[in-house]
PDB file of N, CA and C in Angstrom:
ATOM      1  N   MET A   1       0.897  -1.174   0.045  1.00  0.00           N
ATOM      2  CA  MET A   1      -0.057  -0.337  -0.085  1.00  0.00           C
ATOM      3  C   MET A   1       0.812   1.134   0.118  1.00  0.00           C
ATOM      4  N   LYS A   2       0.264   2.222  -0.839  1.00  0.00           N
ATOM      5  CA  LYS A   2       1.410   3.121  -0.747  1.00  0.00           C
ATOM      6  C   LYS A   2       0.711   4.650   0.082  1.00  0.00           C
ATOM      7  N   THR A   3       1.766   5.083   0.851  1.00  0.00           N
ATOM      8  CA  THR A   3       1.763   5.944   1.905  1.00  0.00           C
ATOM      9  C   THR A   3       1.418   7.480   1.493  1.00  0.00           C
ATOM     10  N   VAL A   4       0.701   7.985   1.837  1.00  0.00           N
ATOM     11  CA  VAL A   4       0.199   9.351   1.418  1.00  0.00           C
ATOM     12  C   VAL A   4       0.818  10.054   2.126  1.00  0.00           C
ATOM     13  N   ALA A   5       1.911  11.365   1.765  1.00  0.00           N
ATOM     14  CA  ALA A   5       1.942  12.428   2.854  1.00  0.00           C
ATOM     15  C   ALA A   5       1.673  13.284   2.546  1.00  0.00           C
ATOM     16  N   ARG A   6       1.085  14.081   3.688  1.00  0.00           N
ATOM     17  CA  ARG A   6      -0.084  15.624   3.571  1.00  0.00           C
ATOM     18  C   ARG A   6       0.623  16.410   4.578  1.00  0.00           C
ATOM     19  N   HIS A   7       0.940  18.051   4.064  1.00  0.00           N
ATOM     20  CA  HIS A   7       1.240  18.916   4.796  1.00  0.00           C
ATOM     21  C   HIS A   7       0.419  19.768   5.106  1.00  0.00           C
ATOM     22  N   PHE A   8       0.275  19.995   6.476  1.00  0.00           N
ATOM     23  CA  PHE A   8      -0.542  21.262   7.677  1.00  0.00           C
ATOM     24  C   PHE A   8       0.227  22.176   7.645  1.00  0.00           C
ATOM     25  N   SER A   9      -0.176  23.436   7.657  1.00  0.00           N
ATOM     26  CA  SER A   9       0.491  24.621   8.147  1.00  0.00           C
ATOM     27  C   SER A   9      -0.094  24.781   9.753  1.00  0.00           C
ATOM     28  N   ILE A  10       0.501  24.644  10.766  1.00  0.00           N
ATOM     29  CA  ILE A  10       0.010  24.804  11.904  1.00  0.00           C
ATOM     30  C   ILE A  10       0.800  25.567  12.464  1.00  0.00           C
ATOM     31  N   SER A  11       0.195  27.085  12.705  1.00  0.00           N
ATOM     32  CA  SER A  11       0.893  28.035  13.730  1.00  0.00           C
ATOM     33  C   SER A  11       2.355  28.516  13.218  1.00  0.00           C
ATOM     34  N   GLY A  12       2.435  28.705  11.605  1.00  0.00           N
ATOM     35  CA  GLY A  12       3.811  29.073  11.142  1.00  0.00           C
ATOM     36  C   GLY A  12       4.618  27.872  10.756  1.00  0.00           C
ATOM     37  N   TRP A  13       4.340  26.746  11.506  1.00  0.00           N
ATOM     38  CA  TRP A  13       5.255  25.652  11.303  1.00  0.00           C
ATOM     39  C   TRP A  13       4.452  24.374  10.403  1.00  0.00           C
ATOM     40  N   GLU A  14       5.029  23.749   9.844  1.00  0.00           N
ATOM     41  CA  GLU A  14       4.621  22.578   9.186  1.00  0.00           C
ATOM     42  C   GLU A  14       4.621  21.179   9.491  1.00  0.00           C
ATOM     43  N   LYS A  15       3.470  20.768   9.587  1.00  0.00           N
ATOM     44  CA  LYS A  15       4.178  19.307  10.351  1.00  0.00           C
ATOM     45  C   LYS A  15       3.445  17.920   9.127  1.00  0.00           C
ATOM     46  N   LEU A  16       4.164  17.143   8.968  1.00  0.00           N
ATOM     47  CA  LEU A  16       3.926  15.831   8.173  1.00  0.00           C
ATOM     48  C   LEU A  16       3.025  14.894   8.362  1.00  0.00           C
ATOM     49  N   MET A  17       1.864  14.798   7.680  1.00  0.00           N
ATOM     50  CA  MET A  17       1.033  13.571   8.405  1.00  0.00           C
ATOM     51  C   MET A  17       0.988  12.851   7.387  1.00  0.00           C
ATOM     52  N   SER A  18       1.614  11.482   7.555  1.00  0.00           N
ATOM     53  CA  SER A  18       2.102  10.089   6.961  1.00  0.00           C
ATOM     54  C   SER A  18       0.494   9.268   6.964  1.00  0.00           C
ATOM     55  N   ILE A  19      -0.192   9.432   7.084  1.00  0.00           N
ATOM     56  CA  ILE A  19      -1.371   8.385   7.127  1.00  0.00           C
ATOM     57  C   ILE A  19      -2.522   9.254   7.044  1.00  0.00           C
ATOM     58  N   ASP A  20      -3.758   8.388   6.411  1.00  0.00           N
ATOM     59  CA  ASP A  20      -4.657   9.212   6.058  1.00  0.00           C
ATOM     60  C   ASP A  20      -5.866   8.405   6.536  1.00  0.00           C
ATOM     61  N   ALA A  21      -7.223   8.730   6.884  1.00  0.00           N
ATOM     62  CA  ALA A  21      -8.284   7.665   7.998  1.00  0.00           C
ATOM     63  C   ALA A  21      -8.258   6.365   7.004  1.00  0.00           C
ATOM     64  N   ARG A  22      -8.457   6.368   5.965  1.00  0.00           N
ATOM     65  CA  ARG A  22      -8.547   4.701   6.045  1.00  0.00           C
ATOM     66  C   ARG A  22      -7.455   3.965   6.225  1.00  0.00           C
ATOM     67  N   THR A  23      -6.206   4.403   6.543  1.00  0.00           N
ATOM     68  CA  THR A  23      -5.073   3.610   6.919  1.00  0.00           C
ATOM     69  C   THR A  23      -4.910   3.257   8.651  1.00  0.00           C
ATOM     70  N   ALA A  24      -5.616   4.682   8.958  1.00  0.00           N
ATOM     71  CA  ALA A  24      -5.657   4.756  10.487  1.00  0.00           C
ATOM     72  C   ALA A  24      -6.781   3.457  11.070  1.00  0.00           C
ATOM     73  N   ALA A  25      -7.570   3.830  10.279  1.00  0.00           N
ATOM     74  CA  ALA A  25      -9.176   2.700  10.647  1.00  0.00           C
ATOM     75  C   ALA A  25      -8.598   1.449  10.443  1.00  0.00           C
ATOM     76  N   LYS A  26      -7.606   0.676   9.556  1.00  0.00           N
ATOM     77  CA  LYS A  26      -7.130  -0.444   9.094  1.00  0.00           C
ATOM     78  C   LYS A  26      -6.087  -0.806  10.233  1.00  0.00           C
ATOM     79  N   THR A  27      -5.498  -0.085  10.693  1.00  0.00           N
ATOM     80  CA  THR A  27      -4.526   0.084  11.835  1.00  0.00           C
ATOM     81  C   THR A  27      -4.891  -0.438  13.084  1.00  0.00           C
ATOM     82  N   ALA A  28      -6.241   0.143  13.471  1.00  0.00           N
ATOM     83  CA  ALA A  28      -6.702  -0.037  14.694  1.00  0.00           C
ATOM     84  C   ALA A  28      -7.576  -1.602  14.525  1.00  0.00           C
ATOM     85  N   ALA A  29      -7.930  -1.847  13.068  1.00  0.00           N
ATOM     86  CA  ALA A  29      -8.869  -3.127  13.374  1.00  0.00           C
ATOM     87  C   ALA A  29      -7.599  -4.439  13.540  1.00  0.00           C
ATOM     88  N   THR A  30      -7.012  -3.975  12.428  1.00  0.00           N
ATOM     89  CA  THR A  30      -5.275  -4.785  12.924  1.00  0.00           C
ATOM     90  C   THR A  30      -5.285  -5.362  14.183  1.00  0.00           C
ATOM     91  N   TYR A  31      -5.116  -4.221  14.946  1.00  0.00           N
ATOM     92  CA  TYR A  31      -4.612  -3.810  16.165  1.00  0.00           C
ATOM     93  C   TYR A  31      -5.300  -4.773  16.976  1.00  0.00           C
ATOM     94  N   TYR A  32      -6.624  -4.575  16.780  1.00  0.00           N
ATOM     95  CA  TYR A  32      -7.624  -5.449  18.018  1.00  0.00           C
ATOM     96  C   TYR A  32      -7.871  -6.969  17.475  1.00  0.00           C
ATOM     97  N   GLU A  33      -7.284  -7.116  16.274  1.00  0.00           N
ATOM     98  CA  GLU A  33      -7.446  -8.659  16.181  1.00  0.00           C
ATOM     99  C   GLU A  33      -6.431  -9.228  16.897  1.00  0.00           C
ATOM    100  N   ALA A  34      -4.781  -8.540  16.599  1.00  0.00           N
ATOM    101  CA  ALA A  34      -3.970  -9.015  16.996  1.00  0.00           C
ATOM    102  C   ALA A  34      -3.998  -8.863  18.769  1.00  0.00           C
ATOM    103  N   ILE A  35      -4.543  -7.999  19.340  1.00  0.00           N
ATOM    104  CA  ILE A  35      -4.651  -7.913  20.787  1.00  0.00           C
ATOM    105  C   ILE A  35      -5.562  -9.186  21.160  1.00  0.00           C
ATOM    106  N   SER A  36      -6.809  -8.772  20.443  1.00  0.00           N
ATOM    107  CA  SER A  36      -7.886 -10.259  20.775  1.00  0.00           C
ATOM    108  C   SER A  36      -7.419 -11.290  21.064  1.00  0.00           C
ATOM    109  N   GLY A  37      -7.014 -11.496  19.827  1.00  0.00           N
ATOM    110  CA  GLY A  37      -6.961 -13.064  19.934  1.00  0.00           C
ATOM    111  C   GLY A  37      -8.413 -13.456  19.124  1.00  0.00           C
ATOM    112  N   GLU A  38      -8.972 -12.998  18.839  1.00  0.00           N
ATOM    113  CA  GLU A  38     -10.579 -13.787  18.562  1.00  0.00           C
ATOM    114  C   GLU A  38     -11.277 -13.173  16.923  1.00  0.00           C
ATOM    115  N   PRO A  39     -11.959 -13.704  16.686  1.00  0.00           N
ATOM    116  CA  PRO A  39     -12.598 -13.350  15.350  1.00  0.00           C
ATOM    117  C   PRO A  39     -13.505 -12.253  16.141  1.00  0.00           C
ATOM    118  N   ALA A  40     -13.677 -11.070  15.364  1.00  0.00           N
ATOM    119  CA  ALA A  40     -15.182 -10.576  15.379  1.00  0.00           C
ATOM    120  C   ALA A  40     -15.303  -9.365  14.349  1.00  0.00           C
ATOM    121  N   LYS A  41     -16.616  -9.313  14.584  1.00  0.00           N
ATOM    122  CA  LYS A  41     -17.039  -8.406  13.432  1.00  0.00           C
ATOM    123  C   LYS A  41     -17.254  -7.040  13.954  1.00  0.00           C
ATOM    124  N   LEU A  42     -16.083  -6.043  12.912  1.00  0.00           N
ATOM    125  CA  LEU A  42     -15.669  -4.993  13.378  1.00  0.00           C
ATOM    126  C   LEU A  42     -16.349  -3.836  12.303  1.00  0.00           C
ATOM    127  N   THR A  43     -16.787  -2.927  13.008  1.00  0.00           N
ATOM    128  CA  THR A  43     -17.439  -1.904  11.796  1.00  0.00           C
ATOM    129  C   THR A  43     -16.805  -0.380  12.552  1.00  0.00           C
ATOM    130  N   ILE A  44     -16.610   0.400  11.595  1.00  0.00           N
ATOM    131  CA  ILE A  44     -16.044   1.713  11.699  1.00  0.00           C
ATOM    132  C   ILE A  44     -17.553   2.558  11.834  1.00  0.00           C
ATOM    133  N   GLU A  45     -17.343   2.956  13.248  1.00  0.00           N
ATOM    134  CA  GLU A  45     -18.315   4.193  13.883  1.00  0.00           C
ATOM    135  C   GLU A  45     -17.863   5.602  13.694  1.00  0.00           C
ATOM    136  N   GLU A  46     -16.824   5.883  14.169  1.00  0.00           N
ATOM    137  CA  GLU A  46     -16.451   7.185  14.318  1.00  0.00           C
ATOM    138  C   GLU A  46     -14.750   7.837  13.949  1.00  0.00           C
ATOM    139  N   ILE A  47     -14.528   8.436  13.149  1.00  0.00           N
ATOM    140  CA  ILE A  47     -13.176   8.846  12.838  1.00  0.00           C
ATOM    141  C   ILE A  47     -13.006  10.192  13.175  1.00  0.00           C
ATOM    142  N   GLU A  48     -11.832  10.666  13.466  1.00  0.00           N
ATOM    143  CA  GLU A  48     -11.527  12.118  14.272  1.00  0.00           C
ATOM    144  C   GLU A  48     -10.460  12.237  13.993  1.00  0.00           C
ATOM    145  N   LEU A  49     -10.007  13.223  13.301  1.00  0.00           N
ATOM    146  CA  LEU A  49      -7.992  13.743  13.510  1.00  0.00           C
ATOM    147  C   LEU A  49      -8.305  14.713  14.837  1.00  0.00           C
ATOM    148  N   ASP A  50      -7.584  14.666  15.383  1.00  0.00           N
ATOM    149  CA  ASP A  50      -7.342  15.874  16.275  1.00  0.00           C
ATOM    150  C   ASP A  50      -7.071  17.288  15.861  1.00  0.00           C
ATOM    151  N   GLU A  51      -7.091  18.619  16.593  1.00  0.00           N
ATOM    152  CA  GLU A  51      -7.110  19.967  16.095  1.00  0.00           C
ATOM    153  C   GLU A  51      -5.631  19.932  15.468  1.00  0.00           C
ATOM    154  N   ASP A  52      -4.429  19.206  16.101  1.00  0.00           N
ATOM    155  CA  ASP A  52      -3.137  19.519  16.006  1.00  0.00           C
ATOM    156  C   ASP A  52      -2.682  18.731  14.517  1.00  0.00           C
ATOM    157  N   ASN A  53      -3.712  17.966  14.130  1.00  0.00           N
ATOM    158  CA  ASN A  53      -3.310  16.854  13.360  1.00  0.00           C
ATOM    159  C   ASN A  53      -2.221  15.744  13.856  1.00  0.00           C
ATOM    160  N   ARG A  54      -2.445  15.798  15.007  1.00  0.00           N
ATOM    161  CA  ARG A  54      -1.111  14.693  15.300  1.00  0.00           C
ATOM    162  C   ARG A  54      -1.816  13.342  15.591  1.00  0.00           C
ATOM    163  N   PHE A  55      -2.970  13.231  16.345  1.00  0.00           N
ATOM    164  CA  PHE A  55      -3.436  11.938  15.974  1.00  0.00           C
ATOM    165  C   PHE A  55      -4.812  11.577  15.270  1.00  0.00           C
ATOM    166  N   TRP A  56      -5.436  10.344  14.912  1.00  0.00           N
ATOM    167  CA  TRP A  56      -6.408  10.145  14.615  1.00  0.00           C
ATOM    168  C   TRP A  56      -7.336   9.248  15.852  1.00  0.00           C
ATOM    169  N   PHE A  57      -8.043   9.181  16.204  1.00  0.00           N
ATOM    170  CA  PHE A  57      -9.119   8.661  17.182  1.00  0.00           C
ATOM    171  C   PHE A  57     -10.239   7.765  16.094  1.00  0.00           C
ATOM    172  N   ILE A  58      -9.833   6.618  16.462  1.00  0.00           N
ATOM    173  CA  ILE A  58     -10.976   5.644  15.723  1.00  0.00           C
ATOM    174  C   ILE A  58     -11.641   4.702  16.486  1.00  0.00           C
ATOM    175  N   THR A  59     -13.011   5.229  16.624  1.00  0.00           N
ATOM    176  CA  THR A  59     -14.023   4.108  17.081  1.00  0.00           C
ATOM    177  C   THR A  59     -14.724   2.906  16.571  1.00  0.00           C
ATOM    178  N   LEU A  60     -14.045   2.007  16.875  1.00  0.00           N
ATOM    179  CA  LEU A  60     -14.637   0.498  16.249  1.00  0.00           C
ATOM    180  C   LEU A  60     -15.905   0.119  17.132  1.00  0.00           C
ATOM    181  N   GLY A  61     -16.836  -0.313  16.120  1.00  0.00           N
ATOM    182  CA  GLY A  61     -17.659  -1.097  17.059  1.00  0.00           C
ATOM    183  C   GLY A  61     -17.785  -2.841  16.875  1.00  0.00           C
ATOM    184  N   ILE A  62     -17.477  -3.539  17.964  1.00  0.00           N
ATOM    185  CA  ILE A  62     -17.012  -5.040  18.341  1.00  0.00           C
ATOM    186  C   ILE A  62     -18.167  -5.608  18.271  1.00  0.00           C
ATOM    187  N   SER A  63     -18.947  -6.568  17.366  1.00  0.00           N
ATOM    188  CA  SER A  63     -19.267  -7.809  17.931  1.00  0.00           C
ATOM    189  C   SER A  63     -19.194  -9.149  18.216  1.00  0.00           C
ATOM    190  N   ASP A  64     -18.920  -9.531  19.085  1.00  0.00           N
ATOM    191  CA  ASP A  64     -18.490 -10.904  19.376  1.00  0.00           C
ATOM    192  C   ASP A  64     -19.579 -12.224  19.122  1.00  0.00           C
ATOM    193  N   GLY A  65     -20.379 -11.687  18.879  1.00  0.00           N
ATOM    194  CA  GLY A  65     -21.592 -12.590  19.210  1.00  0.00           C
ATOM    195  C   GLY A  65     -22.881 -12.367  19.864  1.00  0.00           C
ATOM    196  N   TYR A  66     -23.467 -13.384  20.592  1.00  0.00           N
ATOM    197  CA  TYR A  66     -25.005 -13.519  21.111  1.00  0.00           C
ATOM    198  C   TYR A  66     -24.392 -13.265  22.352  1.00  0.00           C
ATOM    199  N   GLY A  67     -25.488 -12.664  23.578  1.00  0.00           N
ATOM    200  CA  GLY A  67     -24.988 -12.438  24.736  1.00  0.00           C
ATOM    201  C   GLY A  67     -24.886 -13.720  25.796  1.00  0.00           C
ATOM    202  N   GLY A  68     -24.224 -13.392  26.657  1.00  0.00           N
ATOM    203  CA  GLY A  68     -24.268 -14.707  27.309  1.00  0.00           C
ATOM    204  C   GLY A  68     -23.350 -15.737  26.574  1.00  0.00           C
ATOM    205  N   ALA A  69     -23.623 -17.211  27.966  1.00  0.00           N
ATOM    206  CA  ALA A  69     -22.986 -18.360  27.140  1.00  0.00           C
ATOM    207  C   ALA A  69     -24.094 -19.364  27.034  1.00  0.00           C
ATOM    208  N   GLY A  70     -23.613 -20.162  25.966  1.00  0.00           N
ATOM    209  CA  GLY A  70     -24.540 -21.131  25.955  1.00  0.00           C
ATOM    210  C   GLY A  70     -26.349 -20.945  25.447  1.00  0.00           C
ATOM    211  N   ILE A  71     -27.046 -22.395  26.063  1.00  0.00           N
ATOM    212  CA  ILE A  71     -28.573 -21.701  25.735  1.00  0.00           C
ATOM    213  C   ILE A  71     -29.125 -20.806  26.682  1.00  0.00           C
ATOM    214  N   ILE A  72     -28.729 -20.767  27.963  1.00  0.00           N
ATOM    215  CA  ILE A  72     -29.232 -19.747  28.933  1.00  0.00           C
ATOM    216  C   ILE A  72     -28.703 -18.295  28.486  1.00  0.00           C
ATOM    217  N   GLY A  73     -27.714 -18.273  28.174  1.00  0.00           N
ATOM    218  CA  GLY A  73     -27.297 -16.818  27.440  1.00  0.00           C
ATOM    219  C   GLY A  73     -27.940 -16.613  26.483  1.00  0.00           C
ATOM    220  N   SER A  74     -28.426 -17.262  25.607  1.00  0.00           N
ATOM    221  CA  SER A  74     -28.772 -16.964  24.555  1.00  0.00           C
ATOM    222  C   SER A  74     -30.689 -16.638  24.666  1.00  0.00           C
ATOM    223  N   ILE A  75     -31.154 -17.375  25.664  1.00  0.00           N
ATOM    224  CA  ILE A  75     -32.763 -17.243  25.933  1.00  0.00           C
ATOM    225  C   ILE A  75     -32.579 -15.866  26.998  1.00  0.00           C
ATOM    226  N   GLY A  76     -32.066 -15.503  27.745  1.00  0.00           N
ATOM    227  CA  GLY A  76     -31.463 -14.488  28.656  1.00  0.00           C
ATOM    228  C   GLY A  76     -31.385 -13.031  27.493  1.00  0.00           C
ATOM    229  N   SER A  77     -30.561 -12.998  26.841  1.00  0.00           N
ATOM    230  CA  SER A  77     -30.390 -12.284  25.617  1.00  0.00           C
ATOM    231  C   SER A  77     -31.388 -11.932  24.942  1.00  0.00           C
ATOM    232  N   MET A  78     -32.493 -12.953  24.826  1.00  0.00           N
ATOM    233  CA  MET A  78     -33.416 -13.163  23.893  1.00  0.00           C
ATOM    234  C   MET A  78     -32.797 -12.671  22.241  1.00  0.00           C
ATOM    235  N   GLY A  79     -31.715 -13.099  22.160  1.00  0.00           N
ATOM    236  CA  GLY A  79     -31.153 -13.002  20.948  1.00  0.00           C
ATOM    237  C   GLY A  79     -30.244 -12.017  20.354  1.00  0.00           C
ATOM    238  N   SER A  80     -30.315 -11.131  21.060  1.00  0.00           N
ATOM    239  CA  SER A  80     -29.716  -9.776  21.027  1.00  0.00           C
ATOM    240  C   SER A  80     -28.248  -9.836  20.892  1.00  0.00           C
ATOM    241  N   ARG A  81     -27.500  -9.244  19.767  1.00  0.00           N
ATOM    242  CA  ARG A  81     -26.434  -8.830  19.676  1.00  0.00           C
ATOM    243  C   ARG A  81     -25.697  -7.952  20.996  1.00  0.00           C
ATOM    244  N   ILE A  82     -24.283  -8.592  21.335  1.00  0.00           N
ATOM    245  CA  ILE A  82     -23.366  -7.900  21.991  1.00  0.00           C
ATOM    246  C   ILE A  82     -22.775  -6.987  21.563  1.00  0.00           C
ATOM    247  N   ARG A  83     -22.813  -5.323  21.605  1.00  0.00           N
ATOM    248  CA  ARG A  83     -21.637  -4.915  20.781  1.00  0.00           C
ATOM    249  C   ARG A  83     -21.170  -3.976  22.066  1.00  0.00           C
ATOM    250  N   ASP A  84     -19.783  -4.101  21.460  1.00  0.00           N
ATOM    251  CA  ASP A  84     -19.162  -2.902  22.101  1.00  0.00           C
ATOM    252  C   ASP A  84     -18.086  -1.968  21.260  1.00  0.00           C
ATOM    253  N   TYR A  85     -17.940  -0.948  22.329  1.00  0.00           N
ATOM    254  CA  TYR A  85     -16.926   0.246  21.548  1.00  0.00           C
ATOM    255  C   TYR A  85     -15.691   0.541  21.905  1.00  0.00           C
ATOM    256  N   LYS A  86     -14.725   0.795  21.319  1.00  0.00           N
ATOM    257  CA  LYS A  86     -13.124   0.690  21.528  1.00  0.00           C
ATOM    258  C   LYS A  86     -12.868   1.848  20.812  1.00  0.00           C
ATOM    259  N   ILE A  87     -12.108   2.785  21.245  1.00  0.00           N
ATOM    260  CA  ILE A  87     -11.426   4.099  20.831  1.00  0.00           C
ATOM    261  C   ILE A  87     -10.251   4.041  20.472  1.00  0.00           C
ATOM    262  N   PHE A  88      -9.803   3.741  19.738  1.00  0.00           N
ATOM    263  CA  PHE A  88      -8.148   4.046  19.104  1.00  0.00           C
ATOM    264  C   PHE A  88      -7.429   5.092  19.009  1.00  0.00           C
ATOM    265  N   LYS A  89      -6.477   5.383  19.630  1.00  0.00           N
ATOM    266  CA  LYS A  89      -5.481   6.876  18.985  1.00  0.00           C
ATOM    267  C   LYS A  89      -4.491   6.499  18.396  1.00  0.00           C
ATOM    268  N   ILE A  90      -4.473   6.781  17.191  1.00  0.00           N
ATOM    269  CA  ILE A  90      -2.945   6.619  16.409  1.00  0.00           C
ATOM    270  C   ILE A  90      -2.066   7.710  15.982  1.00  0.00           C
ATOM    271  N   ASP A  91      -1.073   7.491  16.061  1.00  0.00           N
ATOM    272  CA  ASP A  91      -0.193   8.736  16.200  1.00  0.00           C
ATOM    273  C   ASP A  91      -0.258   9.147  14.156  1.00  0.00           C
ATOM    274  N   SER A  92      -0.668  10.330  13.863  1.00  0.00           N
ATOM    275  CA  SER A  92      -0.740  10.267  12.382  1.00  0.00           C
ATOM    276  C   SER A  92       0.503  10.382  11.606  1.00  0.00           C
ATOM    277  N   ASN A  93       1.592  10.750  12.185  1.00  0.00           N
ATOM    278  CA  ASN A  93       2.727  10.092  11.436  1.00  0.00           C
ATOM    279  C   ASN A  93       3.261   9.160  11.203  1.00  0.00           C
ATOM    280  N   THR A  94       3.343   8.125  12.350  1.00  0.00           N
ATOM    281  CA  THR A  94       3.808   6.974  12.295  1.00  0.00           C
ATOM    282  C   THR A  94       3.286   5.716  12.433  1.00  0.00           C
ATOM    283  N   GLY A  95       1.404   6.062  12.425  1.00  0.00           N
ATOM    284  CA  GLY A  95       0.704   4.465  12.316  1.00  0.00           C
ATOM    285  C   GLY A  95       0.969   3.725  13.585  1.00  0.00           C
ATOM    286  N   GLU A  96       1.597   4.258  14.530  1.00  0.00           N
ATOM    287  CA  GLU A  96       1.662   3.636  15.778  1.00  0.00           C
ATOM    288  C   GLU A  96       0.250   4.102  16.596  1.00  0.00           C
ATOM    289  N   VAL A  97      -0.309   2.647  17.287  1.00  0.00           N
ATOM    290  CA  VAL A  97      -1.299   2.351  18.402  1.00  0.00           C
ATOM    291  C   VAL A  97      -0.765   3.250  19.324  1.00  0.00           C
ATOM    292  N   LYS A  98      -1.459   4.242  19.657  1.00  0.00           N
ATOM    293  CA  LYS A  98      -0.833   4.908  21.148  1.00  0.00           C
ATOM    294  C   LYS A  98      -2.067   4.172  22.419  1.00  0.00           C
ATOM    295  N   SER A  99      -2.896   4.120  22.092  1.00  0.00           N
ATOM    296  CA  SER A  99      -4.019   3.530  23.171  1.00  0.00           C
ATOM    297  C   SER A  99      -5.190   3.066  22.632  1.00  0.00           C
ATOM    298  N   MET A 100      -5.805   1.930  23.357  1.00  0.00           N
ATOM    299  CA  MET A 100      -7.355   1.442  23.125  1.00  0.00           C
ATOM    300  C   MET A 100      -7.954   1.487  24.351  1.00  0.00           C
ATOM    301  N   LYS A 101      -8.786   1.973  24.068  1.00  0.00           N
ATOM    302  CA  LYS A 101      -9.765   2.652  25.169  1.00  0.00           C
ATOM    303  C   LYS A 101     -11.486   2.003  25.100  1.00  0.00           C
ATOM    304  N   ILE A 102     -11.810   1.683  26.049  1.00  0.00           N
ATOM    305  CA  ILE A 102     -13.393   1.573  26.030  1.00  0.00           C
ATOM    306  C   ILE A 102     -13.832   2.830  26.108  1.00  0.00           C
ATOM    307  N   ARG A 103     -15.381   2.573  24.852  1.00  0.00           N
ATOM    308  CA  ARG A 103     -16.144   3.830  24.645  1.00  0.00           C
ATOM    309  C   ARG A 103     -17.223   3.500  25.482  1.00  0.00           C
ATOM    310  N   LYS A 104     -17.645   4.243  26.498  1.00  0.00           N
ATOM    311  CA  LYS A 104     -19.136   4.031  27.438  1.00  0.00           C
ATOM    312  C   LYS A 104     -19.727   4.826  26.176  1.00  0.00           C
ATOM    313  N   VAL A 105     -21.524   3.926  26.034  1.00  0.00           N
ATOM    314  CA  VAL A 105     -22.374   4.508  25.466  1.00  0.00           C
ATOM    315  C   VAL A 105     -23.903   4.331  26.193  1.00  0.00           C
TER     316      VAL A 105
END
């Protein structure tokens, strides 16, 4: 994949941003799958670049399956899916994941 560099002028000096929103979102998804070690259905919920253009904040929706375990869990949840949300802070220059946090809804 080709990396696209973008320049932004911030208070008289220039900052290089090496990764775009799509790359940041893919990085977040890859990171989650590597850390969790479990297959999950991931959806991109929110993408934000901070005011200084230093960090991408990517919110992923994560469906691991149905609520609870086994038959009792399925009955108790009435078949509704459990969805968690995680916010990933990604350095816009290096693409390094700086943090993964739970997003409360």
